Amino acid sequence: MKKLITAATMAAISLVSISTSPIVYAGPTMTTT
């Protein structure tokens, strides 16, 4: 029997993938050579 993925399940999967994504901490910028 096949199970359907509900909207709640998809939302939970999306939340987990977003919370485990790497975070980029941006620092100062500069113009130089």
ModelCIF file with pLDDT and N, C-alpha, C, O atoms, coordinates in Angstrom:
data_MODEL
#
_entry.id   MODEL 
#
_entity.id                         1 
_entity.type                       polymer 
_entity.pdbx_number_of_molecules   1 
#
_entity_poly.entity_id                      1 
_entity_poly.type                           'polypeptide(L)' 
_entity_poly.nstd_linkage                   no 
_entity_poly.nstd_monomer                   no 
_entity_poly.pdbx_seq_one_letter_code       MKKLITAATMAAISLVSISTSPIVYAGPTMTTT 
_entity_poly.pdbx_seq_one_letter_code_can   MKKLITAATMAAISLVSISTSPIVYAGPTMTTT 
_entity_poly.pdbx_strand_id                 A 
#
loop_
_entity_poly_seq.entity_id 
_entity_poly_seq.num 
_entity_poly_seq.mon_id 
_entity_poly_seq.hetero 
1 1  MET n 
1 2  LYS n 
1 3  LYS n 
1 4  LEU n 
1 5  ILE n 
1 6  THR n 
1 7  ALA n 
1 8  ALA n 
1 9  THR n 
1 10 MET n 
1 11 ALA n 
1 12 ALA n 
1 13 ILE n 
1 14 SER n 
1 15 LEU n 
1 16 VAL n 
1 17 SER n 
1 18 ILE n 
1 19 SER n 
1 20 THR n 
1 21 SER n 
1 22 PRO n 
1 23 ILE n 
1 24 VAL n 
1 25 TYR n 
1 26 ALA n 
1 27 GLY n 
1 28 PRO n 
1 29 THR n 
1 30 MET n 
1 31 THR n 
1 32 THR n 
1 33 THR n 
#
_struct_asym.id          A 
_struct_asym.entity_id   1 
#
loop_
_ma_qa_metric.id 
_ma_qa_metric.mode 
_ma_qa_metric.name 
_ma_qa_metric.software_group_id 
_ma_qa_metric.type 
1 global pLDDT . pLDDT 
2 local  pLDDT . pLDDT 
#
_ma_qa_metric_global.metric_id      1 
_ma_qa_metric_global.metric_value   59.55 
_ma_qa_metric_global.model_id       1 
_ma_qa_metric_global.ordinal_id     1 
#
loop_
_ma_qa_metric_local.label_asym_id 
_ma_qa_metric_local.label_comp_id 
_ma_qa_metric_local.label_seq_id 
_ma_qa_metric_local.metric_id 
_ma_qa_metric_local.metric_value 
_ma_qa_metric_local.model_id 
_ma_qa_metric_local.ordinal_id 
A MET 1  2 47.00 1 1  
A LYS 2  2 50.00 1 2  
A LYS 3  2 54.00 1 3  
A LEU 4  2 53.00 1 4  
A ILE 5  2 52.00 1 5  
A THR 6  2 56.00 1 6  
A ALA 7  2 50.00 1 7  
A ALA 8  2 50.00 1 8  
A THR 9  2 49.00 1 9  
A MET 10 2 47.00 1 10 
A ALA 11 2 46.00 1 11 
A ALA 12 2 46.00 1 12 
A ILE 13 2 48.00 1 13 
A SER 14 2 48.00 1 14 
A LEU 15 2 46.00 1 15 
A VAL 16 2 46.00 1 16 
A SER 17 2 45.00 1 17 
A ILE 18 2 47.00 1 18 
A SER 19 2 47.00 1 19 
A THR 20 2 50.00 1 20 
A SER 21 2 49.00 1 21 
A PRO 22 2 57.00 1 22 
A ILE 23 2 56.00 1 23 
A VAL 24 2 54.00 1 24 
A TYR 25 2 58.00 1 25 
A ALA 26 2 67.00 1 26 
A GLY 27 2 82.00 1 27 
A PRO 28 2 92.00 1 28 
A THR 29 2 94.00 1 29 
A MET 30 2 94.00 1 30 
A THR 31 2 95.00 1 31 
A THR 32 2 95.00 1 32 
A THR 33 2 95.00 1 33 
#
loop_
_atom_site.group_PDB 
_atom_site.id 
_atom_site.type_symbol 
_atom_site.label_atom_id 
_atom_site.label_alt_id 
_atom_site.label_comp_id 
_atom_site.label_asym_id 
_atom_site.label_entity_id 
_atom_site.label_seq_id 
_atom_site.pdbx_PDB_ins_code 
_atom_site.Cartn_x 
_atom_site.Cartn_y 
_atom_site.Cartn_z 
_atom_site.occupancy 
_atom_site.B_iso_or_equiv 
_atom_site.pdbx_formal_charge 
_atom_site.auth_seq_id 
_atom_site.auth_comp_id 
_atom_site.auth_asym_id 
_atom_site.auth_atom_id 
_atom_site.pdbx_PDB_model_num 
ATOM 1   N N  . MET A 1 1  ? 0.828  -1.162 0.000  1.00 47.00 ? 1  MET A N  1 
ATOM 2   C CA . MET A 1 1  ? 0.000  0.000  0.000  1.00 47.00 ? 1  MET A CA 1 
ATOM 3   C C  . MET A 1 1  ? 0.893  1.253  0.000  1.00 47.00 ? 1  MET A C  1 
ATOM 4   O O  . MET A 1 1  ? 1.788  1.392  0.834  1.00 47.00 ? 1  MET A O  1 
ATOM 5   N N  . LYS A 1 2  ? 0.639  2.131  -0.922 1.00 50.00 ? 2  LYS A N  1 
ATOM 6   C CA . LYS A 1 2  ? 1.434  3.344  -1.028 1.00 50.00 ? 2  LYS A CA 1 
ATOM 7   C C  . LYS A 1 2  ? 0.914  4.402  -0.063 1.00 50.00 ? 2  LYS A C  1 
ATOM 8   O O  . LYS A 1 2  ? -0.294 4.564  0.113  1.00 50.00 ? 2  LYS A O  1 
ATOM 9   N N  . LYS A 1 3  ? 1.856  5.124  0.562  1.00 54.00 ? 3  LYS A N  1 
ATOM 10  C CA . LYS A 1 3  ? 1.466  6.195  1.463  1.00 54.00 ? 3  LYS A CA 1 
ATOM 11  C C  . LYS A 1 3  ? 1.670  7.520  0.755  1.00 54.00 ? 3  LYS A C  1 
ATOM 12  O O  . LYS A 1 3  ? 2.667  7.720  0.061  1.00 54.00 ? 3  LYS A O  1 
ATOM 13  N N  . LEU A 1 4  ? 0.743  8.398  0.931  1.00 53.00 ? 4  LEU A N  1 
ATOM 14  C CA . LEU A 1 4  ? 0.850  9.727  0.353  1.00 53.00 ? 4  LEU A CA 1 
ATOM 15  C C  . LEU A 1 4  ? 1.558  10.645 1.331  1.00 53.00 ? 4  LEU A C  1 
ATOM 16  O O  . LEU A 1 4  ? 1.346  10.574 2.542  1.00 53.00 ? 4  LEU A O  1 
ATOM 17  N N  . ILE A 1 5  ? 2.397  11.500 0.791  1.00 52.00 ? 5  ILE A N  1 
ATOM 18  C CA . ILE A 1 5  ? 3.082  12.484 1.621  1.00 52.00 ? 5  ILE A CA 1 
ATOM 19  C C  . ILE A 1 5  ? 2.158  13.671 1.795  1.00 52.00 ? 5  ILE A C  1 
ATOM 20  O O  . ILE A 1 5  ? 1.746  14.295 0.817  1.00 52.00 ? 5  ILE A O  1 
ATOM 21  N N  . THR A 1 6  ? 1.840  13.977 3.011  1.00 56.00 ? 6  THR A N  1 
ATOM 22  C CA . THR A 1 6  ? 0.928  15.077 3.290  1.00 56.00 ? 6  THR A CA 1 
ATOM 23  C C  . THR A 1 6  ? 1.673  16.406 3.292  1.00 56.00 ? 6  THR A C  1 
ATOM 24  O O  . THR A 1 6  ? 2.904  16.447 3.312  1.00 56.00 ? 6  THR A O  1 
ATOM 25  N N  . ALA A 1 7  ? 0.914  17.477 3.271  1.00 50.00 ? 7  ALA A N  1 
ATOM 26  C CA . ALA A 1 7  ? 1.495  18.822 3.302  1.00 50.00 ? 7  ALA A CA 1 
ATOM 27  C C  . ALA A 1 7  ? 2.263  19.046 4.603  1.00 50.00 ? 7  ALA A C  1 
ATOM 28  O O  . ALA A 1 7  ? 3.298  19.712 4.608  1.00 50.00 ? 7  ALA A O  1 
ATOM 29  N N  . ALA A 1 8  ? 1.761  18.496 5.694  1.00 50.00 ? 8  ALA A N  1 
ATOM 30  C CA . ALA A 1 8  ? 2.443  18.640 6.980  1.00 50.00 ? 8  ALA A CA 1 
ATOM 31  C C  . ALA A 1 8  ? 3.809  17.945 6.962  1.00 50.00 ? 8  ALA A C  1 
ATOM 32  O O  . ALA A 1 8  ? 4.787  18.463 7.500  1.00 50.00 ? 8  ALA A O  1 
ATOM 33  N N  . THR A 1 9  ? 3.857  16.769 6.336  1.00 49.00 ? 9  THR A N  1 
ATOM 34  C CA . THR A 1 9  ? 5.124  16.049 6.227  1.00 49.00 ? 9  THR A CA 1 
ATOM 35  C C  . THR A 1 9  ? 6.119  16.830 5.374  1.00 49.00 ? 9  THR A C  1 
ATOM 36  O O  . THR A 1 9  ? 7.296  16.930 5.719  1.00 49.00 ? 9  THR A O  1 
ATOM 37  N N  . MET A 1 10 ? 5.645  17.380 4.266  1.00 47.00 ? 10 MET A N  1 
ATOM 38  C CA . MET A 1 10 ? 6.520  18.181 3.400  1.00 47.00 ? 10 MET A CA 1 
ATOM 39  C C  . MET A 1 10 ? 7.029  19.418 4.132  1.00 47.00 ? 10 MET A C  1 
ATOM 40  O O  . MET A 1 10 ? 8.192  19.794 3.983  1.00 47.00 ? 10 MET A O  1 
ATOM 41  N N  . ALA A 1 11 ? 6.168  20.050 4.921  1.00 46.00 ? 11 ALA A N  1 
ATOM 42  C CA . ALA A 1 11 ? 6.574  21.225 5.685  1.00 46.00 ? 11 ALA A CA 1 
ATOM 43  C C  . ALA A 1 11 ? 7.638  20.854 6.704  1.00 46.00 ? 11 ALA A C  1 
ATOM 44  O O  . ALA A 1 11 ? 8.593  21.605 6.902  1.00 46.00 ? 11 ALA A O  1 
ATOM 45  N N  . ALA A 1 12 ? 7.488  19.709 7.351  1.00 46.00 ? 12 ALA A N  1 
ATOM 46  C CA . ALA A 1 12 ? 8.471  19.257 8.334  1.00 46.00 ? 12 ALA A CA 1 
ATOM 47  C C  . ALA A 1 12 ? 9.813  18.963 7.670  1.00 46.00 ? 12 ALA A C  1 
ATOM 48  O O  . ALA A 1 12 ? 10.863 19.300 8.216  1.00 46.00 ? 12 ALA A O  1 
ATOM 49  N N  . ILE A 1 13 ? 9.783  18.334 6.493  1.00 48.00 ? 13 ILE A N  1 
ATOM 50  C CA . ILE A 1 13 ? 11.016 18.043 5.752  1.00 48.00 ? 13 ILE A CA 1 
ATOM 51  C C  . ILE A 1 13 ? 11.701 19.342 5.347  1.00 48.00 ? 13 ILE A C  1 
ATOM 52  O O  . ILE A 1 13 ? 12.920 19.462 5.463  1.00 48.00 ? 13 ILE A O  1 
ATOM 53  N N  . SER A 1 14 ? 10.931 20.309 4.875  1.00 48.00 ? 14 SER A N  1 
ATOM 54  C CA . SER A 1 14 ? 11.491 21.606 4.481  1.00 48.00 ? 14 SER A CA 1 
ATOM 55  C C  . SER A 1 14 ? 12.112 22.317 5.665  1.00 48.00 ? 14 SER A C  1 
ATOM 56  O O  . SER A 1 14 ? 13.184 22.907 5.534  1.00 48.00 ? 14 SER A O  1 
ATOM 57  N N  . LEU A 1 15 ? 11.462 22.274 6.816  1.00 46.00 ? 15 LEU A N  1 
ATOM 58  C CA . LEU A 1 15 ? 11.978 22.927 8.010  1.00 46.00 ? 15 LEU A CA 1 
ATOM 59  C C  . LEU A 1 15 ? 13.299 22.308 8.446  1.00 46.00 ? 15 LEU A C  1 
ATOM 60  O O  . LEU A 1 15 ? 14.221 23.023 8.837  1.00 46.00 ? 15 LEU A O  1 
ATOM 61  N N  . VAL A 1 16 ? 13.396 20.980 8.380  1.00 46.00 ? 16 VAL A N  1 
ATOM 62  C CA . VAL A 1 16 ? 14.641 20.302 8.747  1.00 46.00 ? 16 VAL A CA 1 
ATOM 63  C C  . VAL A 1 16 ? 15.756 20.671 7.783  1.00 46.00 ? 16 VAL A C  1 
ATOM 64  O O  . VAL A 1 16 ? 16.884 20.916 8.212  1.00 46.00 ? 16 VAL A O  1 
ATOM 65  N N  . SER A 1 17 ? 15.467 20.715 6.492  1.00 45.00 ? 17 SER A N  1 
ATOM 66  C CA . SER A 1 17 ? 16.512 21.038 5.518  1.00 45.00 ? 17 SER A CA 1 
ATOM 67  C C  . SER A 1 17 ? 16.962 22.483 5.647  1.00 45.00 ? 17 SER A C  1 
ATOM 68  O O  . SER A 1 17 ? 18.138 22.781 5.437  1.00 45.00 ? 17 SER A O  1 
ATOM 69  N N  . ILE A 1 18 ? 16.059 23.379 5.985  1.00 47.00 ? 18 ILE A N  1 
ATOM 70  C CA . ILE A 1 18 ? 16.438 24.778 6.174  1.00 47.00 ? 18 ILE A CA 1 
ATOM 71  C C  . ILE A 1 18 ? 17.278 24.935 7.434  1.00 47.00 ? 18 ILE A C  1 
ATOM 72  O O  . ILE A 1 18 ? 18.260 25.677 7.441  1.00 47.00 ? 18 ILE A O  1 
ATOM 73  N N  . SER A 1 19 ? 16.895 24.238 8.498  1.00 47.00 ? 19 SER A N  1 
ATOM 74  C CA . SER A 1 19 ? 17.613 24.398 9.762  1.00 47.00 ? 19 SER A CA 1 
ATOM 75  C C  . SER A 1 19 ? 18.995 23.761 9.730  1.00 47.00 ? 19 SER A C  1 
ATOM 76  O O  . SER A 1 19 ? 19.840 24.108 10.555 1.00 47.00 ? 19 SER A O  1 
ATOM 77  N N  . THR A 1 20 ? 19.254 22.836 8.800  1.00 50.00 ? 20 THR A N  1 
ATOM 78  C CA . THR A 1 20 ? 20.567 22.213 8.715  1.00 50.00 ? 20 THR A CA 1 
ATOM 79  C C  . THR A 1 20 ? 21.431 22.814 7.612  1.00 50.00 ? 20 THR A C  1 
ATOM 80  O O  . THR A 1 20 ? 22.543 22.343 7.376  1.00 50.00 ? 20 THR A O  1 
ATOM 81  N N  . SER A 1 21 ? 20.934 23.846 6.935  1.00 49.00 ? 21 SER A N  1 
ATOM 82  C CA . SER A 1 21 ? 21.725 24.497 5.893  1.00 49.00 ? 21 SER A CA 1 
ATOM 83  C C  . SER A 1 21 ? 22.850 25.290 6.527  1.00 49.00 ? 21 SER A C  1 
ATOM 84  O O  . SER A 1 21 ? 22.671 25.852 7.608  1.00 49.00 ? 21 SER A O  1 
ATOM 85  N N  . PRO A 1 22 ? 24.026 25.351 5.869  1.00 57.00 ? 22 PRO A N  1 
ATOM 86  C CA . PRO A 1 22 ? 25.129 26.125 6.438  1.00 57.00 ? 22 PRO A CA 1 
ATOM 87  C C  . PRO A 1 22 ? 24.795 27.615 6.458  1.00 57.00 ? 22 PRO A C  1 
ATOM 88  O O  . PRO A 1 22 ? 24.140 28.136 5.556  1.00 57.00 ? 22 PRO A O  1 
ATOM 89  N N  . ILE A 1 23 ? 25.254 28.275 7.492  1.00 56.00 ? 23 ILE A N  1 
ATOM 90  C CA . ILE A 1 23 ? 25.023 29.706 7.631  1.00 56.00 ? 23 ILE A CA 1 
ATOM 91  C C  . ILE A 1 23 ? 26.309 30.429 7.272  1.00 56.00 ? 23 ILE A C  1 
ATOM 92  O O  . ILE A 1 23 ? 27.383 30.077 7.760  1.00 56.00 ? 23 ILE A O  1 
ATOM 93  N N  . VAL A 1 24 ? 26.202 31.435 6.422  1.00 54.00 ? 24 VAL A N  1 
ATOM 94  C CA . VAL A 1 24 ? 27.365 32.225 6.039  1.00 54.00 ? 24 VAL A CA 1 
ATOM 95  C C  . VAL A 1 24 ? 27.343 33.510 6.845  1.00 54.00 ? 24 VAL A C  1 
ATOM 96  O O  . VAL A 1 24 ? 26.395 34.291 6.766  1.00 54.00 ? 24 VAL A O  1 
ATOM 97  N N  . TYR A 1 25 ? 28.389 33.721 7.615  1.00 58.00 ? 25 TYR A N  1 
ATOM 98  C CA . TYR A 1 25 ? 28.515 34.942 8.387  1.00 58.00 ? 25 TYR A CA 1 
ATOM 99  C C  . TYR A 1 25 ? 29.371 35.912 7.599  1.00 58.00 ? 25 TYR A C  1 
ATOM 100 O O  . TYR A 1 25 ? 30.580 35.720 7.467  1.00 58.00 ? 25 TYR A O  1 
ATOM 101 N N  . ALA A 1 26 ? 28.752 36.938 7.085  1.00 67.00 ? 26 ALA A N  1 
ATOM 102 C CA . ALA A 1 26 ? 29.466 37.913 6.271  1.00 67.00 ? 26 ALA A CA 1 
ATOM 103 C C  . ALA A 1 26 ? 30.175 38.916 7.167  1.00 67.00 ? 26 ALA A C  1 
ATOM 104 O O  . ALA A 1 26 ? 29.615 39.407 8.147  1.00 67.00 ? 26 ALA A O  1 
ATOM 105 N N  . GLY A 1 27 ? 31.388 39.201 6.817  1.00 82.00 ? 27 GLY A N  1 
ATOM 106 C CA . GLY A 1 27 ? 32.183 40.159 7.575  1.00 82.00 ? 27 GLY A CA 1 
ATOM 107 C C  . GLY A 1 27 ? 32.408 41.418 6.783  1.00 82.00 ? 27 GLY A C  1 
ATOM 108 O O  . GLY A 1 27 ? 31.614 41.758 5.906  1.00 82.00 ? 27 GLY A O  1 
ATOM 109 N N  . PRO A 1 28 ? 33.478 42.111 7.082  1.00 92.00 ? 28 PRO A N  1 
ATOM 110 C CA . PRO A 1 28 ? 33.757 43.379 6.413  1.00 92.00 ? 28 PRO A CA 1 
ATOM 111 C C  . PRO A 1 28 ? 34.142 43.200 4.949  1.00 92.00 ? 28 PRO A C  1 
ATOM 112 O O  . PRO A 1 28 ? 34.581 42.131 4.525  1.00 92.00 ? 28 PRO A O  1 
ATOM 113 N N  . THR A 1 29 ? 33.965 44.264 4.201  1.00 94.00 ? 29 THR A N  1 
ATOM 114 C CA . THR A 1 29 ? 34.371 44.276 2.797  1.00 94.00 ? 29 THR A CA 1 
ATOM 115 C C  . THR A 1 29 ? 35.512 45.268 2.621  1.00 94.00 ? 29 THR A C  1 
ATOM 116 O O  . THR A 1 29 ? 35.724 46.145 3.458  1.00 94.00 ? 29 THR A O  1 
ATOM 117 N N  . MET A 1 30 ? 36.236 45.117 1.532  1.00 94.00 ? 30 MET A N  1 
ATOM 118 C CA . MET A 1 30 ? 37.286 46.078 1.216  1.00 94.00 ? 30 MET A CA 1 
ATOM 119 C C  . MET A 1 30 ? 37.591 46.059 -0.268 1.00 94.00 ? 30 MET A C  1 
ATOM 120 O O  . MET A 1 30 ? 37.321 45.077 -0.960 1.00 94.00 ? 30 MET A O  1 
ATOM 121 N N  . THR A 1 31 ? 38.157 47.154 -0.747 1.00 95.00 ? 31 THR A N  1 
ATOM 122 C CA . THR A 1 31 ? 38.620 47.274 -2.124 1.00 95.00 ? 31 THR A CA 1 
ATOM 123 C C  . THR A 1 31 ? 40.121 47.470 -2.069 1.00 95.00 ? 31 THR A C  1 
ATOM 124 O O  . THR A 1 31 ? 40.614 48.375 -1.397 1.00 95.00 ? 31 THR A O  1 
ATOM 125 N N  . THR A 1 32 ? 40.850 46.614 -2.781 1.00 95.00 ? 32 THR A N  1 
ATOM 126 C CA . THR A 1 32 ? 42.314 46.627 -2.705 1.00 95.00 ? 32 THR A CA 1 
ATOM 127 C C  . THR A 1 32 ? 42.887 45.919 -3.924 1.00 95.00 ? 32 THR A C  1 
ATOM 128 O O  . THR A 1 32 ? 42.171 45.682 -4.897 1.00 95.00 ? 32 THR A O  1 
ATOM 129 N N  . THR A 1 33 ? 44.166 45.582 -3.880 1.00 95.00 ? 33 THR A N  1 
ATOM 130 C CA . THR A 1 33 ? 44.808 44.796 -4.935 1.00 95.00 ? 33 THR A CA 1 
ATOM 131 C C  . THR A 1 33 ? 45.423 43.543 -4.315 1.00 95.00 ? 33 THR A C  1 
ATOM 132 O O  . THR A 1 33 ? 46.018 42.732 -5.024 1.00 95.00 ? 33 THR A O  1 
#
